[in-house]
Protein backbone atom coordinates (compact mmCIF):
# COMPACT_ATOMS: atom_id res chain seq x y z
CA UNK A 1 145.56 66.83 69.65
CA UNK A 2 142.00 67.25 70.97
CA UNK A 3 142.29 69.10 74.29
CA UNK A 4 138.58 69.11 75.11
CA UNK A 5 137.01 66.70 77.59
CA UNK A 6 133.36 65.84 77.06
CA UNK A 7 131.38 66.09 80.32
CA UNK A 8 127.74 66.52 81.36
CA UNK A 9 128.66 70.16 82.13
CA UNK A 10 130.15 70.99 78.75
CA UNK A 11 133.48 70.42 77.01
CA UNK A 12 136.22 72.30 78.86
CA UNK A 13 139.54 72.85 77.08
CA UNK A 14 142.30 71.48 79.30
CA UNK A 15 146.08 71.39 79.35
CA UNK A 16 148.85 70.33 81.69
CA UNK A 17 151.40 72.70 83.20
CA UNK A 18 153.94 73.70 82.16
CA UNK A 19 152.65 73.72 78.59
CA UNK A 20 155.07 72.05 76.20
CA UNK A 21 154.14 71.86 72.50
CA UNK A 22 156.00 68.51 72.32
CA UNK A 23 153.86 67.09 75.12
CA UNK A 24 151.19 64.76 73.73
CA UNK A 25 149.80 63.81 77.14
CA UNK A 26 146.24 64.91 77.86
CA UNK A 27 145.21 66.70 81.03
CA UNK A 28 142.57 64.09 81.84
CA UNK A 29 141.89 60.39 81.33
CA UNK A 30 139.00 57.93 81.25
CA UNK A 31 138.73 57.83 85.04
CA UNK A 32 138.03 61.57 85.22
CA UNK A 33 135.34 61.29 82.55
CA UNK A 34 133.81 58.20 84.23
CA UNK A 35 133.50 59.98 87.57
CA UNK A 36 131.79 63.02 86.04
CA UNK A 37 129.33 60.83 84.10
CA UNK A 38 128.51 58.96 87.32
CA UNK A 39 127.70 62.21 89.15
CA UNK A 40 125.27 63.19 86.41
CA UNK A 41 123.76 59.72 85.86
CA UNK A 42 123.08 59.28 89.58
CA UNK A 43 121.84 62.89 89.93
CA UNK A 44 124.21 63.47 92.85
CA UNK A 45 123.30 66.62 94.79
CA UNK A 46 126.23 69.02 94.38
CA UNK A 47 124.69 71.95 96.23
CA UNK A 48 126.65 71.29 99.43
CA UNK A 49 130.38 71.29 100.06
CA UNK A 50 132.12 69.40 97.27
CA UNK A 51 135.76 68.42 97.88
CA UNK A 52 137.99 66.98 95.15
CA UNK A 53 141.22 65.30 96.28
CA UNK A 54 144.12 64.53 93.95
CA UNK A 55 142.67 66.20 90.83
CA UNK A 56 145.85 65.92 88.75
CA UNK A 57 145.52 68.81 86.30
CA UNK A 58 142.25 70.40 87.39
CA UNK A 59 139.98 68.53 84.98
CA UNK A 60 137.43 67.63 87.65
CA UNK A 61 137.13 71.00 89.36
CA UNK A 62 137.13 72.84 86.03
CA UNK A 63 134.15 70.76 84.89
CA UNK A 64 132.43 71.28 88.27
CA UNK A 65 133.37 74.95 88.71
CA UNK A 66 129.71 75.99 88.68
CA UNK A 67 129.26 74.05 91.94
CA UNK A 68 132.13 75.91 93.65
CA UNK A 69 134.18 72.86 94.70
CA UNK A 70 137.32 72.74 96.83
CA UNK A 71 140.42 71.12 95.37
CA UNK A 72 143.08 69.51 97.59
CA UNK A 73 146.38 68.64 95.90
CA UNK A 74 149.98 67.81 96.73
CA UNK A 75 151.20 69.12 93.38
CA UNK A 76 152.26 72.71 92.66
CA UNK A 77 152.20 71.93 88.94
CA UNK A 78 148.71 70.47 89.23
CA UNK A 79 147.54 73.54 91.11
CA UNK A 80 149.00 75.87 88.47
CA UNK A 81 147.37 73.81 85.72
CA UNK A 82 144.06 74.15 87.58
CA UNK A 83 144.36 77.94 87.78
CA UNK A 84 145.08 78.19 84.07
CA UNK A 85 142.35 75.75 83.06
CA UNK A 86 139.78 77.59 85.16
CA UNK A 87 140.75 80.92 83.58
CA UNK A 88 140.84 79.42 80.09
CA UNK A 89 137.29 78.14 80.49
CA UNK A 90 135.87 81.36 81.92
CA UNK A 91 135.31 80.23 85.51
CA UNK A 92 134.44 83.01 87.92
CA UNK A 93 137.37 84.16 90.07
CA UNK A 94 137.20 82.27 93.35
CA UNK A 95 134.79 79.67 91.97
CA UNK A 96 137.17 76.92 93.10
CA UNK A 97 138.91 76.96 96.46
CA UNK A 98 142.47 75.71 96.04
CA UNK A 99 144.04 73.96 99.04
CA UNK A 100 147.20 71.91 99.46
CA UNK A 101 147.59 68.65 101.32
CA UNK A 102 149.25 70.66 104.10
CA UNK A 103 146.26 73.02 104.59
CA UNK A 104 143.46 72.37 107.11
CA UNK A 105 140.60 70.67 105.21
CA UNK A 106 136.98 71.92 105.19
CA UNK A 107 135.07 71.25 108.42
CA UNK A 108 132.13 69.58 106.60
CA UNK A 109 132.13 67.60 103.37
CA UNK A 110 128.92 66.62 101.57
CA UNK A 111 130.47 65.17 98.41
CA UNK A 112 134.00 63.75 98.50
CA UNK A 113 135.60 62.90 95.16
CA UNK A 114 138.99 61.17 95.27
CA UNK A 115 141.32 60.68 92.32
CA UNK A 116 143.36 57.73 93.62
CA UNK A 117 147.03 58.74 93.95
CA UNK A 118 150.01 56.58 93.09
CA UNK A 119 151.05 56.62 96.75
CA UNK A 120 148.96 54.48 99.09
CA UNK A 121 150.50 56.37 102.02
CA UNK A 122 149.25 59.70 100.66
CA UNK A 123 145.76 58.24 100.24
CA UNK A 124 145.83 56.97 103.84
CA UNK A 125 146.96 60.33 105.19
CA UNK A 126 144.35 62.30 103.23
CA UNK A 127 141.44 60.00 104.11
CA UNK A 128 142.38 60.18 107.79
CA UNK A 129 142.61 63.98 107.63
CA UNK A 130 139.26 64.26 105.86
CA UNK A 131 137.33 61.61 107.78
CA UNK A 132 136.21 63.93 110.63
CA UNK A 133 134.45 66.16 108.08
CA UNK A 134 132.58 63.27 106.46
CA UNK A 135 129.08 62.45 107.73
CA UNK A 136 126.61 59.61 107.14
CA UNK A 137 125.04 61.43 104.19
CA UNK A 138 128.33 62.25 102.45
CA UNK A 139 128.62 60.87 98.93
CA UNK A 140 132.11 59.40 98.53
CA UNK A 141 133.33 58.42 95.08
CA UNK A 142 136.87 57.46 94.18
CA UNK A 143 138.19 57.05 90.66
CA UNK A 144 141.25 55.70 88.90
CA UNK A 145 142.43 53.51 86.11
CA UNK A 146 142.06 49.78 86.79
CA UNK A 147 145.84 49.38 87.18
CA UNK A 148 145.84 52.08 89.90
CA UNK A 149 143.15 50.52 92.11
CA UNK A 150 144.24 47.54 94.20
CA UNK A 151 142.77 45.52 97.07
CA UNK A 152 144.86 47.65 99.44
CA UNK A 153 143.21 50.79 98.01
CA UNK A 154 139.73 49.49 98.77
CA UNK A 155 140.81 48.31 102.22
CA UNK A 156 141.90 51.86 103.08
CA UNK A 157 138.51 53.33 102.17
CA UNK A 158 136.80 50.53 104.11
CA UNK A 159 139.00 50.89 107.20
CA UNK A 160 138.90 54.70 107.38
CA UNK A 161 135.50 55.71 105.98
CA UNK A 162 133.15 52.73 105.74
CA UNK A 163 131.76 49.93 103.52
CA UNK A 164 133.26 50.09 100.04
CA UNK A 165 132.61 48.51 96.66
CA UNK A 166 133.75 49.05 93.09
CA UNK A 167 131.94 49.44 89.80
CA UNK A 168 132.50 47.57 86.59
CA UNK A 169 135.40 48.85 84.53
CA UNK A 170 134.73 51.25 81.65
CA UNK A 171 137.54 52.10 79.22
CA UNK A 172 139.99 50.61 81.75
CA UNK A 173 138.72 52.95 84.49
CA UNK A 174 136.84 52.06 87.65
CA UNK A 175 134.95 53.87 90.41
CA UNK A 176 135.12 53.28 94.16
CA UNK A 177 131.81 53.78 95.97
CA UNK A 178 131.98 54.18 99.74
CA UNK A 179 129.14 54.52 102.29
CA UNK A 180 130.56 56.50 105.25
CA UNK A 181 130.10 55.11 108.74
CA UNK A 182 130.70 57.90 111.30
CA UNK A 183 130.76 55.36 114.15
CA UNK A 184 133.80 53.62 112.70
CA UNK A 185 136.79 53.48 115.07
CA UNK A 186 139.53 54.98 112.92
CA UNK A 187 143.25 54.37 113.46
CA UNK A 188 145.56 57.21 114.44
CA UNK A 189 147.29 58.93 111.55
CA UNK A 190 150.86 57.53 111.37
CA UNK A 191 152.10 60.46 109.25
CA UNK A 192 154.54 62.13 109.28
CA UNK A 193 156.88 59.21 109.81
CA UNK A 194 160.27 59.62 111.51
CA UNK A 195 163.32 57.34 111.28
CA UNK A 196 167.06 57.43 111.95
CA UNK A 197 169.62 57.37 109.15
CA UNK A 198 172.34 54.68 109.07
CA UNK A 199 176.05 55.31 109.61
CA UNK A 200 178.57 55.70 106.81
CA UNK A 201 176.84 58.49 104.88
CA UNK A 202 178.76 61.54 106.01
CA UNK A 203 177.36 64.47 107.96
CA UNK A 204 173.84 63.01 108.26
CA UNK A 205 174.95 59.64 109.66
CA UNK A 206 172.65 58.75 112.56
CA UNK A 207 170.52 61.84 111.97
CA UNK A 208 166.72 62.11 111.90
CA UNK A 209 164.51 62.07 108.81
CA UNK A 210 160.90 63.28 108.83
CA UNK A 211 158.70 62.10 105.96
CA UNK A 212 155.17 63.27 105.24
CA UNK A 213 152.97 60.82 103.38
CA UNK A 214 153.57 60.46 99.67
CA UNK A 215 157.24 61.43 99.70
CA UNK A 216 159.55 58.96 97.95
CA UNK A 217 160.95 56.18 100.19
CA UNK A 218 159.05 57.26 103.30
CA UNK A 219 160.43 54.66 105.73
CA UNK A 220 164.05 54.22 104.65
CA UNK A 221 166.93 55.83 102.79
CA UNK A 222 166.72 55.00 99.09
CA UNK A 223 169.85 53.57 97.49
CA UNK A 224 170.29 56.42 95.00
CA UNK A 225 170.33 59.06 97.72
CA UNK A 226 172.66 56.88 99.82
CA UNK A 227 175.10 56.75 96.90
CA UNK A 228 174.94 60.53 96.48
CA UNK A 229 175.47 61.12 100.21
CA UNK A 230 178.61 58.98 100.09
CA UNK A 231 180.06 61.20 97.34
CA UNK A 232 178.87 64.70 98.16
CA UNK A 233 180.98 67.63 96.94
CA UNK A 234 183.16 69.42 99.46
CA UNK A 235 181.14 72.59 98.94
CA UNK A 236 183.45 74.10 96.35
CA UNK A 237 183.36 77.40 98.25
CA UNK A 238 179.61 77.59 97.66
CA UNK A 239 177.64 80.36 99.36
CA UNK A 240 174.26 79.28 97.98
CA UNK A 241 173.42 75.60 97.52
CA UNK A 242 170.22 74.15 96.06
CA UNK A 243 168.67 70.78 96.86
CA UNK A 244 166.62 70.58 93.64
CA UNK A 245 163.70 68.17 93.86
CA UNK A 246 164.51 67.94 97.55
CA UNK A 247 162.11 65.21 98.64
CA UNK A 248 162.60 64.81 102.39
CA UNK A 249 165.59 67.15 102.34
CA UNK A 250 168.29 64.68 103.43
CA UNK A 251 170.80 65.88 100.81
CA UNK A 252 170.34 69.59 101.56
CA UNK A 253 170.46 68.89 105.29
CA UNK A 254 173.76 67.03 104.83
CA UNK A 255 175.21 70.02 102.96
CA UNK A 256 173.90 72.43 105.60
CA UNK A 257 175.52 70.41 108.39
CA UNK A 258 178.84 70.19 106.53
CA UNK A 259 178.81 73.85 105.42
CA UNK A 260 176.98 75.97 108.00
CA UNK A 261 178.26 79.15 106.35
CA UNK A 262 176.25 78.38 103.19
CA UNK A 263 172.57 79.12 102.51
CA UNK A 264 170.62 76.06 101.36
CA UNK A 265 167.52 76.33 99.18
CA UNK A 266 165.19 73.32 99.29
CA UNK A 267 162.75 73.22 96.40
CA UNK A 268 160.23 70.68 95.11
CA UNK A 269 156.90 70.73 93.33
CA UNK A 270 155.34 68.59 96.10
CA UNK A 271 153.89 70.38 99.13
CA UNK A 272 154.42 67.19 101.15
CA UNK A 273 158.07 67.02 100.13
CA UNK A 274 158.91 70.61 101.08
CA UNK A 275 157.13 70.18 104.42
CA UNK A 276 159.24 67.04 104.98
CA UNK A 277 162.46 68.84 104.05
CA UNK A 278 161.74 71.67 106.47
CA UNK A 279 160.87 69.22 109.26
CA UNK A 280 164.03 67.16 108.60
CA UNK A 281 166.24 70.27 108.56
CA UNK A 282 164.78 71.61 111.81
CA UNK A 283 164.84 68.20 113.54
CA UNK A 284 168.61 68.12 113.11
CA UNK A 285 169.33 71.61 114.43
CA UNK A 286 171.31 72.69 111.36
CA UNK A 287 173.10 75.93 112.32
CA UNK A 288 173.03 77.68 108.93
CA UNK A 289 170.30 79.46 106.96
CA UNK A 290 167.78 77.69 104.73
CA UNK A 291 164.88 78.57 102.45
CA UNK A 292 162.03 76.19 101.62
CA UNK A 293 160.15 76.75 98.37
CA UNK A 294 157.34 74.88 96.60
CA UNK A 295 157.56 75.56 92.87
CA UNK A 296 158.48 74.43 89.38
CA UNK A 297 162.17 73.70 89.70
CA UNK A 298 164.25 76.86 89.89
CA UNK A 299 161.68 79.20 88.38
CA UNK A 300 161.83 82.46 90.30
CA UNK A 301 165.46 81.97 91.35
CA UNK A 302 167.55 84.84 89.89
CA UNK A 303 169.93 84.03 87.05
CA UNK A 304 173.50 83.42 88.16
CA UNK A 305 172.65 83.46 91.88
CA UNK A 306 173.53 79.86 92.78
CA UNK A 307 176.90 78.19 93.33
CA UNK A 308 175.98 74.52 93.57
CA UNK A 309 172.89 72.45 92.62
CA UNK A 310 172.33 68.85 93.76
CA UNK A 311 169.67 66.88 91.90
CA UNK A 312 168.14 63.39 91.83
CA UNK A 313 165.49 63.94 89.13
CA UNK A 314 162.33 61.83 88.87
CA UNK A 315 161.66 60.04 85.60
CA UNK A 316 157.94 59.40 86.04
CA UNK A 317 154.97 61.76 85.78
CA UNK A 318 152.12 59.78 87.34
CA UNK A 319 152.02 56.63 85.15
CA UNK A 320 154.05 58.08 82.26
CA UNK A 321 157.80 57.59 81.92
CA UNK A 322 159.31 60.84 80.70
CA UNK A 323 162.54 62.84 80.82
CA UNK A 324 160.73 66.19 80.55
CA UNK A 325 161.07 66.91 84.26
CA UNK A 326 164.81 66.16 84.26
CA UNK A 327 165.32 68.39 81.21
CA UNK A 328 163.49 71.29 82.88
CA UNK A 329 165.52 70.80 86.05
CA UNK A 330 168.83 70.76 84.18
CA UNK A 331 167.85 73.79 82.09
CA UNK A 332 166.75 75.72 85.17
CA UNK A 333 169.94 74.78 87.02
CA UNK A 334 172.15 76.06 84.20
CA UNK A 335 170.29 79.38 84.16
CA UNK A 336 170.45 79.82 87.95
CA UNK A 337 174.12 78.84 88.32
CA UNK A 338 176.86 81.46 88.31
CA UNK A 339 179.76 80.96 85.87
CA UNK A 340 181.93 78.27 87.43
CA UNK A 341 179.04 76.89 89.44
CA UNK A 342 178.21 73.20 89.12
CA UNK A 343 175.27 70.83 88.87
CA UNK A 344 175.66 67.38 90.46
CA UNK A 345 173.18 64.76 89.19
CA UNK A 346 172.57 61.22 90.46
CA UNK A 347 170.68 58.86 88.17
CA UNK A 348 170.25 55.31 86.96
CA UNK A 349 172.83 54.36 84.34
CA UNK A 350 170.24 53.64 81.65
CA UNK A 351 168.77 57.16 81.74
CA UNK A 352 171.69 58.66 79.83
CA UNK A 353 171.75 61.99 81.65
CA UNK A 354 175.30 62.63 80.40
CA UNK A 355 173.89 63.23 76.91
CA UNK A 356 171.50 65.93 78.13
CA UNK A 357 174.17 67.57 80.28
CA UNK A 358 176.56 67.64 77.33
CA UNK A 359 173.92 69.45 75.26
CA UNK A 360 173.36 72.05 77.99
CA UNK A 361 176.79 72.48 79.57
CA UNK A 362 179.11 71.38 76.77
CA UNK A 363 180.36 68.45 78.84
CA UNK A 364 180.06 66.61 82.15
CA UNK A 365 182.39 64.46 84.22
CA UNK A 366 181.76 61.15 85.92
CA UNK A 367 182.33 61.63 89.66
CA UNK A 368 181.44 58.12 90.81
CA UNK A 369 179.54 55.06 89.63
CA UNK A 370 178.43 51.58 90.61
CA UNK A 371 176.54 48.92 88.65
CA UNK A 372 173.24 50.82 89.06
CA UNK A 373 174.00 54.55 89.43
CA UNK A 374 176.18 57.27 87.97
CA UNK A 375 176.99 60.58 89.66
CA UNK A 376 177.71 63.34 87.15
CA UNK A 377 179.07 66.88 87.54
CA UNK A 378 178.51 69.62 84.97
CA UNK A 379 180.12 73.06 85.27
CA UNK A 380 178.64 76.24 83.83
CA UNK A 381 181.29 77.93 81.69
């Protein structure tokens, strides 16, 4: 597969992270290429502070590395891909400033480039955080595939930054062009959002959840997590428990409340998710010990150091439906578990996780099910 993207600044070789030889998905798409062509065609001045938000695998900042841009991302995997792509293409060390969505943004922005995220809430939060740094002369360009840009997307740019229009579509991609209006009265940032959990879900019944923007099911408890909370393990004598792909941390918080003697590790590849998990855990005054880690699954966790892993794996990577993430999570869990330790997985029936668990663990058992979900337990022998 061709891994080179043609841009006005050369043809950088790009890959996603982690690199999987079976992965046929490119590290860029037509919307990235369209944005870069627009910058060159319109002779946009890139000598000031250039900020790129939501650059999924580093394609944009790698192409623009000579202009020393700042990247802001919610994704640990995207940030790692960026580091590797910059090194692969010979960018000077420090040429690109890498920030997360939880870091303070630059104080002044002269060119703001936004790769539209899947989450409208994350876009709202980021535009509100960045708006004070935008001035009347700032060039603001958003980009995305046509199916990713909706009327609500344009309304956010218009409401937070200023008058907004779109370009014609090219190769199913479209640009958003926004003229900043510093006099605009902006709304207060509603994120993070806090709500109270319902009764009937064990130790976290009536407890508080804190959700930063972009985290799955930001304003309510999703039905899959509710089902898992109603069938949580009794702890199985676990000393170290992992909430793998923790999201807002409700599951790990429930285990911490029920088993204060155990250490709970919350891990996710989303900076917003881990910040939410930590805020949820602290809001509920859990008496035990916890660790909060942004990373690729259980990479970095010592082999055989974990007693119990709880997991509700995602089955989408941006717009692509894939089981790669679930497979990496299951593989990492098996490595990190001690002999006799167990992995508990909640998933939609149609995903067939029992087949993957059988391949890795030799077998799995059905703990509970309903018409939509299955809860599986696999023990490391």
